[in-house]
Amino acid sequence: MDTLDVQQHLKKIHPSLENNVYAANRLPMYTHVPTYIICNLDTDDKPGSHWVALYIDTNDVGQYFDSYGLSPVRYHLEFLKRNCKRWNWNVDRIQNEWTSVCGEYCLMYLLYKFQGCSIHSFTSIFTRNTLYNDILVDEMFRSYFIDNK
């Protein structure tokens, strides 16, 4: 899923979110809350490797979502430090390392956040079977973003 695809689908959550897709080195210095962002691990001079999501609530508490369960990389960490009083991230890998559905995971995570769900309520849908999870998130994604035009 490329940047334009992610933007197009993010707009379906709410039209104001369409431009909240960034390369790692292009995150805004500061942001208004609440904020919903999808960001790549790569800088803008690279093709893009993996999507992650960032959410900051109205109390300046942030969440970093990575379907591989990894902690924030430098650019993302700097953004969180500038914009949040505190933050957390998911630690469990829910995506298989050989699949490319990270964009779908990020979009579904932000959809759940937009509907008021916690990061735990989203990640608890998934199991330790990452291939099963990838099929499940793809079905969820298609149901909301493709079939529900």
C-alpha atoms as a PDB file:
ATOM      1  CA  MET A   1       0.000   0.000   0.000  1.00  0.00           C
ATOM      2  CA  ASP A   2       1.556   3.300  -1.046  1.00  0.00           C
ATOM      3  CA  THR A   3       1.095   6.794   0.383  1.00  0.00           C
ATOM      4  CA  LEU A   4      -1.787   7.694  -1.934  1.00  0.00           C
ATOM      5  CA  ASP A   5      -3.652   4.496  -1.024  1.00  0.00           C
ATOM      6  CA  VAL A   6      -3.200   5.181   2.688  1.00  0.00           C
ATOM      7  CA  GLN A   7      -4.373   8.799   2.270  1.00  0.00           C
ATOM      8  CA  GLN A   8      -7.423   7.716   0.307  1.00  0.00           C
ATOM      9  CA  HIS A   9      -8.447   5.173   2.940  1.00  0.00           C
ATOM     10  CA  LEU A  10      -7.626   7.426   5.908  1.00  0.00           C
ATOM     11  CA  LYS A  11     -10.034   9.997   4.458  1.00  0.00           C
ATOM     12  CA  LYS A  12     -12.804   7.387   4.813  1.00  0.00           C
ATOM     13  CA  ILE A  13     -12.346   7.441   8.597  1.00  0.00           C
ATOM     14  CA  HIS A  14     -12.751  11.229   8.521  1.00  0.00           C
ATOM     15  CA  PRO A  15     -12.132  13.699   5.673  1.00  0.00           C
ATOM     16  CA  SER A  16      -9.847  15.843   7.861  1.00  0.00           C
ATOM     17  CA  LEU A  17      -7.360  12.958   8.191  1.00  0.00           C
ATOM     18  CA  GLU A  18      -6.493  12.626   4.499  1.00  0.00           C
ATOM     19  CA  ASN A  19      -3.183  14.516   4.731  1.00  0.00           C
ATOM     20  CA  ASN A  20      -1.985  12.811   7.925  1.00  0.00           C
ATOM     21  CA  VAL A  21       0.365  10.402   6.124  1.00  0.00           C
ATOM     22  CA  TYR A  22       4.105  11.057   6.371  1.00  0.00           C
ATOM     23  CA  ALA A  23       7.585   9.792   5.675  1.00  0.00           C
ATOM     24  CA  ALA A  24       9.531   9.392   8.924  1.00  0.00           C
ATOM     25  CA  ASN A  25      11.485  12.627   8.435  1.00  0.00           C
ATOM     26  CA  ARG A  26       8.412  14.653   7.401  1.00  0.00           C
ATOM     27  CA  LEU A  27       6.356  14.427  10.585  1.00  0.00           C
ATOM     28  CA  PRO A  28       5.131  17.884  11.630  1.00  0.00           C
ATOM     29  CA  MET A  29       7.046  19.623  14.378  1.00  0.00           C
ATOM     30  CA  TYR A  30       3.887  20.060  16.460  1.00  0.00           C
ATOM     31  CA  THR A  31       0.330  18.878  16.020  1.00  0.00           C
ATOM     32  CA  HIS A  32      -3.169  19.655  17.259  1.00  0.00           C
ATOM     33  CA  VAL A  33      -4.973  17.065  19.351  1.00  0.00           C
ATOM     34  CA  PRO A  34      -6.522  14.690  18.963  1.00  0.00           C
ATOM     35  CA  THR A  35      -4.297  13.558  16.119  1.00  0.00           C
ATOM     36  CA  TYR A  36      -4.325  10.436  13.968  1.00  0.00           C
ATOM     37  CA  ILE A  37      -1.208   9.833  11.849  1.00  0.00           C
ATOM     38  CA  ILE A  38       0.144   7.045   9.677  1.00  0.00           C
ATOM     39  CA  CYS A  39       3.872   7.233   9.135  1.00  0.00           C
ATOM     40  CA  ASN A  40       6.458   5.167   7.312  1.00  0.00           C
ATOM     41  CA  LEU A  41       9.657   3.950   8.921  1.00  0.00           C
ATOM     42  CA  ASP A  42      11.595   5.239   5.900  1.00  0.00           C
ATOM     43  CA  THR A  43      12.600   8.805   5.146  1.00  0.00           C
ATOM     44  CA  ASP A  44      11.288  10.526   2.036  1.00  0.00           C
ATOM     45  CA  ASP A  45      14.375   9.616  -0.022  1.00  0.00           C
ATOM     46  CA  LYS A  46      13.549   5.888   0.244  1.00  0.00           C
ATOM     47  CA  PRO A  47      10.698   3.835  -1.240  1.00  0.00           C
ATOM     48  CA  GLY A  48       8.984   3.034   2.075  1.00  0.00           C
ATOM     49  CA  SER A  49       9.314  -0.132   4.113  1.00  0.00           C
ATOM     50  CA  HIS A  50       6.687  -0.331   6.857  1.00  0.00           C
ATOM     51  CA  TRP A  51       3.708   1.724   8.075  1.00  0.00           C
ATOM     52  CA  VAL A  52       3.081   2.572  11.746  1.00  0.00           C
ATOM     53  CA  ALA A  53       0.350   4.677  13.365  1.00  0.00           C
ATOM     54  CA  LEU A  54       0.478   7.416  15.968  1.00  0.00           C
ATOM     55  CA  TYR A  55      -2.425   8.681  18.025  1.00  0.00           C
ATOM     56  CA  ILE A  56      -2.424  11.555  20.524  1.00  0.00           C
ATOM     57  CA  ASP A  57      -5.482  12.244  22.655  1.00  0.00           C
ATOM     58  CA  THR A  58      -6.741  15.567  24.010  1.00  0.00           C
ATOM     59  CA  ASN A  59      -4.688  15.070  27.200  1.00  0.00           C
ATOM     60  CA  ASP A  60      -1.466  14.850  25.138  1.00  0.00           C
ATOM     61  CA  VAL A  61      -1.122  11.131  25.810  1.00  0.00           C
ATOM     62  CA  GLY A  62       0.282   9.309  22.807  1.00  0.00           C
ATOM     63  CA  GLN A  63       0.141   5.796  21.447  1.00  0.00           C
ATOM     64  CA  TYR A  64       2.499   4.290  18.917  1.00  0.00           C
ATOM     65  CA  PHE A  65       1.150   1.308  17.026  1.00  0.00           C
ATOM     66  CA  ASP A  66       3.462  -1.051  15.143  1.00  0.00           C
ATOM     67  CA  SER A  67       2.042  -4.349  13.886  1.00  0.00           C
ATOM     68  CA  TYR A  68       5.497  -5.873  14.472  1.00  0.00           C
ATOM     69  CA  GLY A  69       5.367  -4.764  18.122  1.00  0.00           C
ATOM     70  CA  LEU A  70       8.561  -2.712  17.854  1.00  0.00           C
ATOM     71  CA  SER A  71       9.290   0.452  19.818  1.00  0.00           C
ATOM     72  CA  PRO A  72       9.342   3.853  18.085  1.00  0.00           C
ATOM     73  CA  VAL A  73      12.262   4.657  15.779  1.00  0.00           C
ATOM     74  CA  ARG A  74      14.197   7.918  16.184  1.00  0.00           C
ATOM     75  CA  TYR A  75      11.978  10.242  14.120  1.00  0.00           C
ATOM     76  CA  HIS A  76       8.810   8.886  15.698  1.00  0.00           C
ATOM     77  CA  LEU A  77      10.282   9.045  19.191  1.00  0.00           C
ATOM     78  CA  GLU A  78      11.293  12.690  18.681  1.00  0.00           C
ATOM     79  CA  PHE A  79       7.762  13.500  17.493  1.00  0.00           C
ATOM     80  CA  LEU A  80       6.230  11.800  20.548  1.00  0.00           C
ATOM     81  CA  LYS A  81       8.604  13.618  22.918  1.00  0.00           C
ATOM     82  CA  ARG A  82       7.679  16.991  21.394  1.00  0.00           C
ATOM     83  CA  ASN A  83       3.932  16.415  21.364  1.00  0.00           C
ATOM     84  CA  CYS A  84       3.098  14.135  24.304  1.00  0.00           C
ATOM     85  CA  LYS A  85       3.291  14.238  28.070  1.00  0.00           C
ATOM     86  CA  ARG A  86       3.664  10.459  27.967  1.00  0.00           C
ATOM     87  CA  TRP A  87       3.124   7.639  25.475  1.00  0.00           C
ATOM     88  CA  ASN A  88       3.025   3.889  25.143  1.00  0.00           C
ATOM     89  CA  TRP A  89       3.155   1.299  22.410  1.00  0.00           C
ATOM     90  CA  ASN A  90       2.039  -2.234  21.753  1.00  0.00           C
ATOM     91  CA  VAL A  91       4.742  -4.846  22.335  1.00  0.00           C
ATOM     92  CA  ASP A  92       3.208  -7.928  20.728  1.00  0.00           C
ATOM     93  CA  ARG A  93       3.871  -8.812  17.109  1.00  0.00           C
ATOM     94  CA  ILE A  94       0.551  -9.392  15.384  1.00  0.00           C
ATOM     95  CA  GLN A  95       1.703  -9.262  11.741  1.00  0.00           C
ATOM     96  CA  ASN A  96       3.662 -11.999  10.004  1.00  0.00           C
ATOM     97  CA  GLU A  97       7.137 -10.889   8.962  1.00  0.00           C
ATOM     98  CA  TRP A  98       6.610 -12.098   5.366  1.00  0.00           C
ATOM     99  CA  THR A  99       3.387 -10.222   4.608  1.00  0.00           C
ATOM    100  CA  SER A 100       2.713  -6.645   3.568  1.00  0.00           C
ATOM    101  CA  VAL A 101      -0.484  -5.690   5.383  1.00  0.00           C
ATOM    102  CA  CYS A 102       0.998  -3.103   7.755  1.00  0.00           C
ATOM    103  CA  GLY A 103      -1.055  -0.355   6.099  1.00  0.00           C
ATOM    104  CA  GLU A 104      -4.243  -2.309   6.720  1.00  0.00           C
ATOM    105  CA  TYR A 105      -3.307  -2.795  10.389  1.00  0.00           C
ATOM    106  CA  CYS A 106      -2.613   0.936  10.817  1.00  0.00           C
ATOM    107  CA  LEU A 107      -5.858   1.978   9.165  1.00  0.00           C
ATOM    108  CA  MET A 108      -7.902  -0.457  11.246  1.00  0.00           C
ATOM    109  CA  TYR A 109      -6.117   0.645  14.435  1.00  0.00           C
ATOM    110  CA  LEU A 110      -6.894   4.318  13.733  1.00  0.00           C
ATOM    111  CA  LEU A 111     -10.490   3.455  12.848  1.00  0.00           C
ATOM    112  CA  TYR A 112     -10.825   1.746  16.243  1.00  0.00           C
ATOM    113  CA  LYS A 113      -9.201   4.749  17.961  1.00  0.00           C
ATOM    114  CA  PHE A 114     -11.529   7.137  16.123  1.00  0.00           C
ATOM    115  CA  GLN A 115     -14.452   5.097  17.466  1.00  0.00           C
ATOM    116  CA  GLY A 116     -13.116   5.444  21.028  1.00  0.00           C
ATOM    117  CA  CYS A 117     -11.501   2.013  21.500  1.00  0.00           C
ATOM    118  CA  SER A 118      -8.255   1.421  23.371  1.00  0.00           C
ATOM    119  CA  ILE A 119      -5.085   0.040  21.830  1.00  0.00           C
ATOM    120  CA  HIS A 120      -5.623  -3.067  23.968  1.00  0.00           C
ATOM    121  CA  SER A 121      -9.156  -3.611  22.694  1.00  0.00           C
ATOM    122  CA  PHE A 122      -7.765  -3.509  19.148  1.00  0.00           C
ATOM    123  CA  THR A 123      -4.748  -5.773  19.685  1.00  0.00           C
ATOM    124  CA  SER A 124      -6.769  -8.275  21.755  1.00  0.00           C
ATOM    125  CA  ILE A 125      -8.698  -9.201  18.589  1.00  0.00           C
ATOM    126  CA  PHE A 126      -5.570 -10.934  17.336  1.00  0.00           C
ATOM    127  CA  THR A 127      -3.835 -14.170  18.324  1.00  0.00           C
ATOM    128  CA  ARG A 128      -0.259 -15.430  18.331  1.00  0.00           C
ATOM    129  CA  ASN A 129      -0.899 -16.914  14.879  1.00  0.00           C
ATOM    130  CA  THR A 130       0.324 -14.030  12.733  1.00  0.00           C
ATOM    131  CA  LEU A 131      -0.806 -15.544   9.422  1.00  0.00           C
ATOM    132  CA  TYR A 132      -4.329 -15.897  10.794  1.00  0.00           C
ATOM    133  CA  ASN A 133      -4.145 -12.290  12.045  1.00  0.00           C
ATOM    134  CA  ASP A 134      -3.133 -11.064   8.600  1.00  0.00           C
ATOM    135  CA  ILE A 135      -6.108 -12.788   6.990  1.00  0.00           C
ATOM    136  CA  LEU A 136      -8.391 -11.363   9.681  1.00  0.00           C
ATOM    137  CA  VAL A 137      -7.140  -7.778   9.335  1.00  0.00           C
ATOM    138  CA  ASP A 138      -7.431  -8.013   5.559  1.00  0.00           C
ATOM    139  CA  GLU A 139     -11.068  -9.120   5.906  1.00  0.00           C
ATOM    140  CA  MET A 140     -11.758  -6.317   8.397  1.00  0.00           C
ATOM    141  CA  PHE A 141     -10.087  -3.792   6.121  1.00  0.00           C
ATOM    142  CA  ARG A 142     -12.000  -4.917   3.035  1.00  0.00           C
ATOM    143  CA  SER A 143     -15.275  -4.903   4.942  1.00  0.00           C
ATOM    144  CA  TYR A 144     -14.890  -1.281   6.056  1.00  0.00           C
ATOM    145  CA  PHE A 145     -12.734   0.409   3.429  1.00  0.00           C
ATOM    146  CA  ILE A 146     -13.518  -1.478   0.201  1.00  0.00           C
ATOM    147  CA  ASP A 147     -17.003  -3.018   0.439  1.00  0.00           C
ATOM    148  CA  ASN A 148     -18.415  -0.114   2.472  1.00  0.00           C
ATOM    149  CA  LYS A 149     -18.022   2.643  -0.122  1.00  0.00           C
END
